Amino acid sequence: MGDLDDEQALIDLLTPFLRAKKSRAMVFFDRAATGHSGQRNFGLVKAVFVPAGTTADTAIAEYIQQLGASARNHSLVSSDRMVQAAGRAHHLTILTSQSFSEQLELLSNQLPQPTTQDSGLSEREVKEWEDFFNQYGSQPPDGLNP
């Protein structure tokens, strides 16, 4: 279960970055759970869950090969030398994981941080809504019947 949480955490981390950059990403994860291999869309992130018996590195190299000439329009984030070599052979822009992590952190510090507003109702508001709904009993007001 920890791996799934880690994968979702990465997707959650990438999403605001991609939104700010007006971009999309594809991420590859090793050792998909039985029955969970394949591609899934998470908004701006497409995740590829690579089944046991192969590696994400191999899947990335195959994906780059499939891109053909359009590979030049993509960037590759990896610190693995074999994966980087596959990317360079197809003229992708290469970023190390460390370099990309620094970009994520820099942008994260520039984005407005979410506020911790309590969206709950006050006791007075709850009482007002209770009174409103109680005045009609089990019958909704006219015009609201389905």
C-alpha atoms as a PDB file:
ATOM      1  CA  MET A   1       0.000   0.000   0.000  1.00  0.00           C
ATOM      2  CA  GLY A   2       2.935   2.337   0.656  1.00  0.00           C
ATOM      3  CA  ASP A   3       3.984   2.205  -3.006  1.00  0.00           C
ATOM      4  CA  LEU A   4       0.536   3.334  -4.148  1.00  0.00           C
ATOM      5  CA  ASP A   5       0.668   6.206  -1.666  1.00  0.00           C
ATOM      6  CA  ASP A   6       4.139   7.180  -2.938  1.00  0.00           C
ATOM      7  CA  GLU A   7       2.953   7.082  -6.533  1.00  0.00           C
ATOM      8  CA  GLN A   8      -0.092   9.223  -5.753  1.00  0.00           C
ATOM      9  CA  ALA A   9       2.102  11.640  -3.778  1.00  0.00           C
ATOM     10  CA  LEU A  10       4.339  12.104  -6.835  1.00  0.00           C
ATOM     11  CA  ILE A  11       1.327  12.701  -9.072  1.00  0.00           C
ATOM     12  CA  ASP A  12      -0.037  15.218  -6.556  1.00  0.00           C
ATOM     13  CA  LEU A  13       3.350  16.965  -6.455  1.00  0.00           C
ATOM     14  CA  LEU A  14       3.617  17.159 -10.243  1.00  0.00           C
ATOM     15  CA  THR A  15       0.114  18.462 -10.924  1.00  0.00           C
ATOM     16  CA  PRO A  16       0.512  22.097  -9.739  1.00  0.00           C
ATOM     17  CA  PHE A  17       3.923  22.268 -11.434  1.00  0.00           C
ATOM     18  CA  LEU A  18       2.465  21.076 -14.735  1.00  0.00           C
ATOM     19  CA  ARG A  19      -0.506  23.421 -14.394  1.00  0.00           C
ATOM     20  CA  ALA A  20       1.845  26.375 -13.881  1.00  0.00           C
ATOM     21  CA  LYS A  21       4.013  25.300 -16.827  1.00  0.00           C
ATOM     22  CA  LYS A  22       0.974  24.560 -19.021  1.00  0.00           C
ATOM     23  CA  SER A  23       2.400  21.135 -19.673  1.00  0.00           C
ATOM     24  CA  ARG A  24       1.684  17.432 -19.306  1.00  0.00           C
ATOM     25  CA  ALA A  25       3.780  14.520 -18.063  1.00  0.00           C
ATOM     26  CA  MET A  26       4.034  10.789 -18.315  1.00  0.00           C
ATOM     27  CA  VAL A  27       5.488   8.885 -15.370  1.00  0.00           C
ATOM     28  CA  PHE A  28       6.500   5.240 -15.257  1.00  0.00           C
ATOM     29  CA  PHE A  29       6.240   3.114 -12.114  1.00  0.00           C
ATOM     30  CA  ASP A  30       7.902  -0.272 -11.584  1.00  0.00           C
ATOM     31  CA  ARG A  31       6.255  -3.393 -10.178  1.00  0.00           C
ATOM     32  CA  ALA A  32       2.572  -2.758 -10.763  1.00  0.00           C
ATOM     33  CA  ALA A  33       0.347  -4.806  -8.509  1.00  0.00           C
ATOM     34  CA  THR A  34      -1.220  -7.826 -10.159  1.00  0.00           C
ATOM     35  CA  GLY A  35      -4.072  -6.668 -12.348  1.00  0.00           C
ATOM     36  CA  HIS A  36      -3.075  -2.996 -12.112  1.00  0.00           C
ATOM     37  CA  SER A  37      -0.558  -2.668 -14.931  1.00  0.00           C
ATOM     38  CA  GLY A  38      -1.234  -0.305 -17.817  1.00  0.00           C
ATOM     39  CA  GLN A  39      -1.858   3.395 -18.316  1.00  0.00           C
ATOM     40  CA  ARG A  40      -4.106   5.642 -16.260  1.00  0.00           C
ATOM     41  CA  ASN A  41      -4.819   9.338 -16.608  1.00  0.00           C
ATOM     42  CA  PHE A  42      -4.605  11.635 -13.592  1.00  0.00           C
ATOM     43  CA  GLY A  43      -5.432  14.947 -15.219  1.00  0.00           C
ATOM     44  CA  LEU A  44      -2.169  16.393 -16.497  1.00  0.00           C
ATOM     45  CA  VAL A  45      -0.259  13.249 -15.527  1.00  0.00           C
ATOM     46  CA  LYS A  46      -0.448   9.977 -17.401  1.00  0.00           C
ATOM     47  CA  ALA A  47       0.895   7.152 -15.263  1.00  0.00           C
ATOM     48  CA  VAL A  48       2.230   3.930 -16.715  1.00  0.00           C
ATOM     49  CA  PHE A  49       2.257   1.059 -14.242  1.00  0.00           C
ATOM     50  CA  VAL A  50       4.822  -1.412 -15.534  1.00  0.00           C
ATOM     51  CA  PRO A  51       4.103  -5.062 -14.729  1.00  0.00           C
ATOM     52  CA  ALA A  52       6.546  -7.274 -12.864  1.00  0.00           C
ATOM     53  CA  GLY A  53       8.969  -8.977 -15.208  1.00  0.00           C
ATOM     54  CA  THR A  54      10.015  -5.745 -16.904  1.00  0.00           C
ATOM     55  CA  THR A  55      11.276  -2.433 -15.597  1.00  0.00           C
ATOM     56  CA  ALA A  56      10.176   1.159 -15.886  1.00  0.00           C
ATOM     57  CA  ASP A  57      13.579   1.900 -17.458  1.00  0.00           C
ATOM     58  CA  THR A  58      12.894  -0.593 -20.249  1.00  0.00           C
ATOM     59  CA  ALA A  59       9.351   0.755 -20.719  1.00  0.00           C
ATOM     60  CA  ILE A  60      10.704   4.321 -20.949  1.00  0.00           C
ATOM     61  CA  ALA A  61      13.286   3.293 -23.560  1.00  0.00           C
ATOM     62  CA  GLU A  62      10.569   1.548 -25.612  1.00  0.00           C
ATOM     63  CA  TYR A  63       8.287   4.582 -25.318  1.00  0.00           C
ATOM     64  CA  ILE A  64      11.069   6.892 -26.518  1.00  0.00           C
ATOM     65  CA  GLN A  65      11.665   4.581 -29.481  1.00  0.00           C
ATOM     66  CA  GLN A  66       7.958   4.746 -30.369  1.00  0.00           C
ATOM     67  CA  LEU A  67       8.008   8.544 -30.320  1.00  0.00           C
ATOM     68  CA  GLY A  68      10.320   8.579 -33.310  1.00  0.00           C
ATOM     69  CA  ALA A  69      11.081  12.065 -34.632  1.00  0.00           C
ATOM     70  CA  SER A  70       8.566  13.704 -32.270  1.00  0.00           C
ATOM     71  CA  ALA A  71      10.820  12.729 -29.355  1.00  0.00           C
ATOM     72  CA  ARG A  72      12.646  16.031 -29.882  1.00  0.00           C
ATOM     73  CA  ASN A  73       9.575  17.779 -28.446  1.00  0.00           C
ATOM     74  CA  HIS A  74       9.804  15.932 -25.123  1.00  0.00           C
ATOM     75  CA  SER A  75      11.880  16.189 -21.983  1.00  0.00           C
ATOM     76  CA  LEU A  76      13.123  13.254 -19.954  1.00  0.00           C
ATOM     77  CA  VAL A  77      13.661  13.312 -16.208  1.00  0.00           C
ATOM     78  CA  SER A  78      15.937  10.516 -15.054  1.00  0.00           C
ATOM     79  CA  SER A  79      19.245  10.045 -13.335  1.00  0.00           C
ATOM     80  CA  ASP A  80      19.653   6.566 -14.799  1.00  0.00           C
ATOM     81  CA  ARG A  81      22.468   6.588 -17.386  1.00  0.00           C
ATOM     82  CA  MET A  82      20.859   3.951 -19.620  1.00  0.00           C
ATOM     83  CA  VAL A  83      17.579   5.878 -19.752  1.00  0.00           C
ATOM     84  CA  GLN A  84      19.440   9.137 -20.386  1.00  0.00           C
ATOM     85  CA  ALA A  85      21.374   7.485 -23.257  1.00  0.00           C
ATOM     86  CA  ALA A  86      18.092   6.360 -24.845  1.00  0.00           C
ATOM     87  CA  GLY A  87      16.806   9.913 -24.533  1.00  0.00           C
ATOM     88  CA  ARG A  88      19.936  11.481 -25.979  1.00  0.00           C
ATOM     89  CA  ALA A  89      19.855   9.082 -28.938  1.00  0.00           C
ATOM     90  CA  HIS A  90      16.455  10.555 -29.803  1.00  0.00           C
ATOM     91  CA  HIS A  91      17.394  14.163 -28.981  1.00  0.00           C
ATOM     92  CA  LEU A  92      15.205  14.599 -25.894  1.00  0.00           C
ATOM     93  CA  THR A  93      16.023  17.319 -23.402  1.00  0.00           C
ATOM     94  CA  ILE A  94      17.518  15.494 -20.390  1.00  0.00           C
ATOM     95  CA  LEU A  95      17.071  16.611 -16.782  1.00  0.00           C
ATOM     96  CA  THR A  96      18.493  14.753 -13.830  1.00  0.00           C
ATOM     97  CA  SER A  97      16.083  13.912 -11.051  1.00  0.00           C
ATOM     98  CA  GLN A  98      17.971  16.326  -8.791  1.00  0.00           C
ATOM     99  CA  SER A  99      17.708  19.177 -11.293  1.00  0.00           C
ATOM    100  CA  PHE A 100      13.992  18.580 -11.772  1.00  0.00           C
ATOM    101  CA  SER A 101      13.459  18.379  -8.018  1.00  0.00           C
ATOM    102  CA  GLU A 102      15.103  21.802  -7.673  1.00  0.00           C
ATOM    103  CA  GLN A 103      12.753  23.208 -10.348  1.00  0.00           C
ATOM    104  CA  LEU A 104       9.747  21.758  -8.500  1.00  0.00           C
ATOM    105  CA  GLU A 105      10.888  23.278  -5.218  1.00  0.00           C
ATOM    106  CA  LEU A 106      11.592  26.677  -6.787  1.00  0.00           C
ATOM    107  CA  LEU A 107       8.171  26.843  -8.403  1.00  0.00           C
ATOM    108  CA  SER A 108       6.485  25.535  -5.268  1.00  0.00           C
ATOM    109  CA  ASN A 109       7.983  28.415  -3.301  1.00  0.00           C
ATOM    110  CA  GLN A 110       6.654  30.900  -5.884  1.00  0.00           C
ATOM    111  CA  LEU A 111       3.090  29.559  -5.990  1.00  0.00           C
ATOM    112  CA  PRO A 112       0.571  30.966  -3.511  1.00  0.00           C
ATOM    113  CA  GLN A 113       0.202  28.617  -0.565  1.00  0.00           C
ATOM    114  CA  PRO A 114      -3.295  27.363   0.224  1.00  0.00           C
ATOM    115  CA  THR A 115      -4.874  28.953   3.257  1.00  0.00           C
ATOM    116  CA  THR A 116      -6.236  26.883   6.090  1.00  0.00           C
ATOM    117  CA  GLN A 117      -9.737  28.262   6.211  1.00  0.00           C
ATOM    118  CA  ASP A 118     -12.324  26.479   8.258  1.00  0.00           C
ATOM    119  CA  SER A 119     -15.157  25.882   5.827  1.00  0.00           C
ATOM    120  CA  GLY A 120     -17.443  24.580   8.574  1.00  0.00           C
ATOM    121  CA  LEU A 121     -20.629  26.378   9.502  1.00  0.00           C
ATOM    122  CA  SER A 122     -20.946  28.350  12.695  1.00  0.00           C
ATOM    123  CA  GLU A 123     -23.471  27.226  15.307  1.00  0.00           C
ATOM    124  CA  ARG A 124     -25.701  30.123  14.293  1.00  0.00           C
ATOM    125  CA  GLU A 125     -25.582  29.093  10.609  1.00  0.00           C
ATOM    126  CA  VAL A 126     -26.379  25.478  11.494  1.00  0.00           C
ATOM    127  CA  LYS A 127     -29.373  26.652  13.544  1.00  0.00           C
ATOM    128  CA  GLU A 128     -30.615  28.847  10.663  1.00  0.00           C
ATOM    129  CA  TRP A 129     -30.409  25.937   8.207  1.00  0.00           C
ATOM    130  CA  GLU A 130     -32.129  23.581  10.665  1.00  0.00           C
ATOM    131  CA  ASP A 131     -34.929  26.102  11.129  1.00  0.00           C
ATOM    132  CA  PHE A 132     -35.242  26.557   7.377  1.00  0.00           C
ATOM    133  CA  PHE A 133     -35.524  22.820   6.702  1.00  0.00           C
ATOM    134  CA  ASN A 134     -37.722  22.133   9.737  1.00  0.00           C
ATOM    135  CA  GLN A 135     -40.335  24.681   8.669  1.00  0.00           C
ATOM    136  CA  TYR A 136     -41.233  22.427   5.743  1.00  0.00           C
ATOM    137  CA  GLY A 137     -41.191  19.129   7.620  1.00  0.00           C
ATOM    138  CA  SER A 138     -40.814  16.265   5.207  1.00  0.00           C
ATOM    139  CA  GLN A 139     -42.446  18.190   2.343  1.00  0.00           C
ATOM    140  CA  PRO A 140     -40.164  20.429   0.238  1.00  0.00           C
ATOM    141  CA  PRO A 141     -41.427  23.925  -0.656  1.00  0.00           C
ATOM    142  CA  ASP A 142     -43.517  24.314  -3.843  1.00  0.00           C
ATOM    143  CA  GLY A 143     -41.503  24.207  -7.017  1.00  0.00           C
ATOM    144  CA  LEU A 144     -38.844  21.951  -5.526  1.00  0.00           C
ATOM    145  CA  ASN A 145     -40.699  18.670  -5.990  1.00  0.00           C
ATOM    146  CA  PRO A 146     -38.955  16.398  -8.474  1.00  0.00           C
END
